[in-house]
Amino acid sequence: MEERDPHYASVLRTRKLAVSGLPVTVAAGGEDAQSAKLAEQVQQLTVAPEFQDLLDNCLDTLGKGYAVNEIM
């Protein structure tokens, strides 16, 4: 659909860029040390270069209704 309708592609691209431009925040799910440790590990994953590609692939669901990602 994006390839056939330039206006639709433009609107969808605007939405994707708005979401991908937001800062990623991770909060611990509890007060214990294990929750804090997991939150720190997830935060480290979000600063990896591959995270932006994963986020872009996830945002592909806006137009298609689903997105498939595989963790290698």
N, C-alpha and C. Protein backbone atom coordinates (compact mmCIF):
# COMPACT_ATOMS: atom_id res chain seq x y z
N MET A 1 0.83 -1.19 0.00
CA MET A 1 0.00 0.00 0.00
C MET A 1 0.87 1.26 0.00
N GLU A 2 1.96 1.22 0.75
CA GLU A 2 2.83 2.39 0.83
C GLU A 2 3.44 2.72 -0.53
N GLU A 3 3.72 1.69 -1.31
CA GLU A 3 4.33 1.90 -2.63
C GLU A 3 3.35 2.50 -3.62
N ARG A 4 2.06 2.22 -3.44
CA ARG A 4 1.06 2.67 -4.41
C ARG A 4 0.49 4.05 -4.12
N ASP A 5 0.51 4.47 -2.86
CA ASP A 5 -0.11 5.74 -2.49
C ASP A 5 0.92 6.64 -1.80
N PRO A 6 1.46 7.61 -2.50
CA PRO A 6 2.50 8.47 -1.91
C PRO A 6 2.02 9.27 -0.69
N HIS A 7 0.76 9.70 -0.68
CA HIS A 7 0.25 10.46 0.46
C HIS A 7 0.19 9.57 1.70
N TYR A 8 -0.31 8.36 1.52
CA TYR A 8 -0.36 7.40 2.63
C TYR A 8 1.04 7.11 3.15
N ALA A 9 1.99 6.93 2.26
CA ALA A 9 3.37 6.66 2.66
C ALA A 9 3.95 7.85 3.44
N SER A 10 3.63 9.04 3.03
CA SER A 10 4.13 10.23 3.71
C SER A 10 3.56 10.35 5.12
N VAL A 11 2.26 10.13 5.26
CA VAL A 11 1.62 10.20 6.58
C VAL A 11 2.17 9.11 7.49
N LEU A 12 2.34 7.92 6.96
CA LEU A 12 2.86 6.81 7.75
C LEU A 12 4.30 7.06 8.16
N ARG A 13 5.10 7.60 7.26
CA ARG A 13 6.50 7.92 7.56
C ARG A 13 6.59 8.98 8.67
N THR A 14 5.68 9.96 8.63
CA THR A 14 5.64 10.98 9.68
C THR A 14 5.38 10.35 11.04
N ARG A 15 4.44 9.42 11.09
CA ARG A 15 4.12 8.75 12.36
C ARG A 15 5.30 7.90 12.85
N LYS A 16 5.93 7.19 11.94
CA LYS A 16 7.08 6.34 12.31
C LYS A 16 8.23 7.18 12.84
N LEU A 17 8.52 8.28 12.17
CA LEU A 17 9.62 9.15 12.61
C LEU A 17 9.32 9.80 13.96
N ALA A 18 8.05 10.11 14.20
CA ALA A 18 7.68 10.71 15.48
C ALA A 18 7.93 9.73 16.63
N VAL A 19 7.59 8.48 16.42
CA VAL A 19 7.79 7.48 17.47
C VAL A 19 9.26 7.12 17.62
N SER A 20 9.96 6.94 16.52
CA SER A 20 11.37 6.53 16.61
C SER A 20 12.26 7.66 17.14
N GLY A 21 11.76 8.87 17.13
CA GLY A 21 12.54 10.00 17.66
C GLY A 21 12.39 10.20 19.16
N LEU A 22 11.46 9.49 19.77
CA LEU A 22 11.27 9.62 21.21
C LEU A 22 12.40 8.96 21.99
N PRO A 23 12.77 9.50 23.14
CA PRO A 23 13.80 8.85 23.95
C PRO A 23 13.26 7.56 24.57
N VAL A 24 14.10 6.56 24.65
CA VAL A 24 13.71 5.28 25.23
C VAL A 24 13.99 5.32 26.73
N THR A 25 12.98 5.03 27.52
CA THR A 25 13.17 4.99 28.97
C THR A 25 12.78 3.61 29.48
N VAL A 26 13.52 3.14 30.45
CA VAL A 26 13.26 1.83 31.06
C VAL A 26 13.14 2.05 32.56
N ALA A 27 12.06 1.57 33.13
CA ALA A 27 11.84 1.68 34.58
C ALA A 27 11.74 0.28 35.17
N ALA A 28 12.29 0.12 36.34
CA ALA A 28 12.22 -1.17 37.02
C ALA A 28 10.77 -1.49 37.37
N GLY A 29 10.41 -2.77 37.27
CA GLY A 29 9.05 -3.19 37.54
C GLY A 29 8.76 -3.39 39.02
N GLY A 30 9.77 -3.29 39.86
CA GLY A 30 9.58 -3.48 41.29
C GLY A 30 10.67 -2.74 42.05
N GLU A 31 10.63 -2.89 43.34
CA GLU A 31 11.59 -2.20 44.21
C GLU A 31 12.79 -3.07 44.56
N ASP A 32 12.76 -4.35 44.22
CA ASP A 32 13.84 -5.25 44.63
C ASP A 32 15.06 -5.14 43.72
N ALA A 33 16.15 -5.74 44.14
CA ALA A 33 17.42 -5.66 43.41
C ALA A 33 17.33 -6.36 42.06
N GLN A 34 16.59 -7.46 41.98
CA GLN A 34 16.45 -8.19 40.72
C GLN A 34 15.76 -7.32 39.66
N SER A 35 14.75 -6.59 40.03
CA SER A 35 14.06 -5.71 39.09
C SER A 35 14.99 -4.60 38.60
N ALA A 36 15.76 -4.05 39.50
CA ALA A 36 16.71 -3.00 39.11
C ALA A 36 17.78 -3.55 38.18
N LYS A 37 18.23 -4.76 38.45
CA LYS A 37 19.26 -5.38 37.59
C LYS A 37 18.71 -5.64 36.19
N LEU A 38 17.49 -6.16 36.11
CA LEU A 38 16.87 -6.41 34.81
C LEU A 38 16.64 -5.11 34.03
N ALA A 39 16.20 -4.07 34.73
CA ALA A 39 15.99 -2.78 34.08
C ALA A 39 17.30 -2.24 33.52
N GLU A 40 18.38 -2.40 34.24
CA GLU A 40 19.69 -1.94 33.76
C GLU A 40 20.13 -2.74 32.53
N GLN A 41 19.88 -4.04 32.53
CA GLN A 41 20.24 -4.86 31.37
C GLN A 41 19.42 -4.49 30.14
N VAL A 42 18.15 -4.23 30.33
CA VAL A 42 17.30 -3.83 29.21
C VAL A 42 17.73 -2.46 28.70
N GLN A 43 18.08 -1.55 29.60
CA GLN A 43 18.57 -0.23 29.20
C GLN A 43 19.82 -0.35 28.34
N GLN A 44 20.70 -1.28 28.70
CA GLN A 44 21.91 -1.50 27.90
C GLN A 44 21.57 -2.01 26.50
N LEU A 45 20.53 -2.82 26.39
CA LEU A 45 20.11 -3.31 25.08
C LEU A 45 19.56 -2.18 24.20
N THR A 46 18.92 -1.20 24.82
CA THR A 46 18.31 -0.12 24.03
C THR A 46 19.34 0.83 23.44
N VAL A 47 20.55 0.84 23.95
CA VAL A 47 21.57 1.72 23.39
C VAL A 47 22.41 1.00 22.34
N ALA A 48 22.15 -0.28 22.11
CA ALA A 48 22.87 -1.04 21.08
C ALA A 48 22.45 -0.53 19.70
N PRO A 49 23.36 -0.56 18.74
CA PRO A 49 23.03 -0.07 17.39
C PRO A 49 21.88 -0.85 16.73
N GLU A 50 21.74 -2.11 17.06
CA GLU A 50 20.69 -2.93 16.44
C GLU A 50 19.30 -2.57 16.94
N PHE A 51 19.21 -1.88 18.06
CA PHE A 51 17.90 -1.57 18.63
C PHE A 51 17.10 -0.67 17.71
N GLN A 52 17.74 0.27 17.05
CA GLN A 52 17.02 1.17 16.15
C GLN A 52 16.41 0.40 14.98
N ASP A 53 17.13 -0.59 14.46
CA ASP A 53 16.57 -1.42 13.39
C ASP A 53 15.37 -2.21 13.89
N LEU A 54 15.47 -2.74 15.11
CA LEU A 54 14.36 -3.48 15.70
C LEU A 54 13.14 -2.57 15.87
N LEU A 55 13.38 -1.36 16.34
CA LEU A 55 12.28 -0.41 16.52
C LEU A 55 11.64 -0.06 15.18
N ASP A 56 12.46 0.17 14.16
CA ASP A 56 11.91 0.48 12.84
C ASP A 56 11.08 -0.69 12.30
N ASN A 57 11.56 -1.91 12.50
CA ASN A 57 10.79 -3.08 12.06
C ASN A 57 9.49 -3.20 12.83
N CYS A 58 9.51 -2.91 14.12
CA CYS A 58 8.28 -2.97 14.93
C CYS A 58 7.27 -1.92 14.47
N LEU A 59 7.76 -0.76 14.07
CA LEU A 59 6.86 0.31 13.62
C LEU A 59 6.22 0.00 12.27
N ASP A 60 6.72 -1.00 11.58
CA ASP A 60 6.13 -1.41 10.32
C ASP A 60 4.72 -1.94 10.53
N THR A 61 4.38 -2.28 11.76
CA THR A 61 3.04 -2.76 12.06
C THR A 61 1.97 -1.68 11.90
N LEU A 62 2.37 -0.41 11.91
CA LEU A 62 1.39 0.67 11.76
C LEU A 62 0.61 0.56 10.45
N GLY A 63 1.28 0.18 9.40
CA GLY A 63 0.61 0.08 8.11
C GLY A 63 0.07 -1.29 7.80
N LYS A 64 0.70 -2.32 8.36
CA LYS A 64 0.34 -3.69 7.99
C LYS A 64 -0.50 -4.41 9.03
N GLY A 65 -0.48 -3.92 10.26
CA GLY A 65 -1.27 -4.57 11.29
C GLY A 65 -0.48 -5.60 12.09
N TYR A 66 0.73 -5.93 11.65
CA TYR A 66 1.58 -6.87 12.36
C TYR A 66 3.02 -6.63 11.95
N ALA A 67 3.95 -7.09 12.77
CA ALA A 67 5.37 -7.02 12.44
C ALA A 67 6.03 -8.26 13.00
N VAL A 68 6.96 -8.82 12.26
CA VAL A 68 7.66 -10.02 12.67
C VAL A 68 9.13 -9.68 12.85
N ASN A 69 9.66 -10.02 14.02
CA ASN A 69 11.09 -9.82 14.30
C ASN A 69 11.65 -11.11 14.86
N GLU A 70 12.91 -11.36 14.57
CA GLU A 70 13.57 -12.54 15.09
C GLU A 70 14.85 -12.11 15.80
N ILE A 71 15.02 -12.56 17.01
CA ILE A 71 16.23 -12.26 17.77
C ILE A 71 17.27 -13.30 17.40
N MET A 72 18.38 -12.85 16.87
CA MET A 72 19.43 -13.76 16.43
C MET A 72 20.45 -13.96 17.54
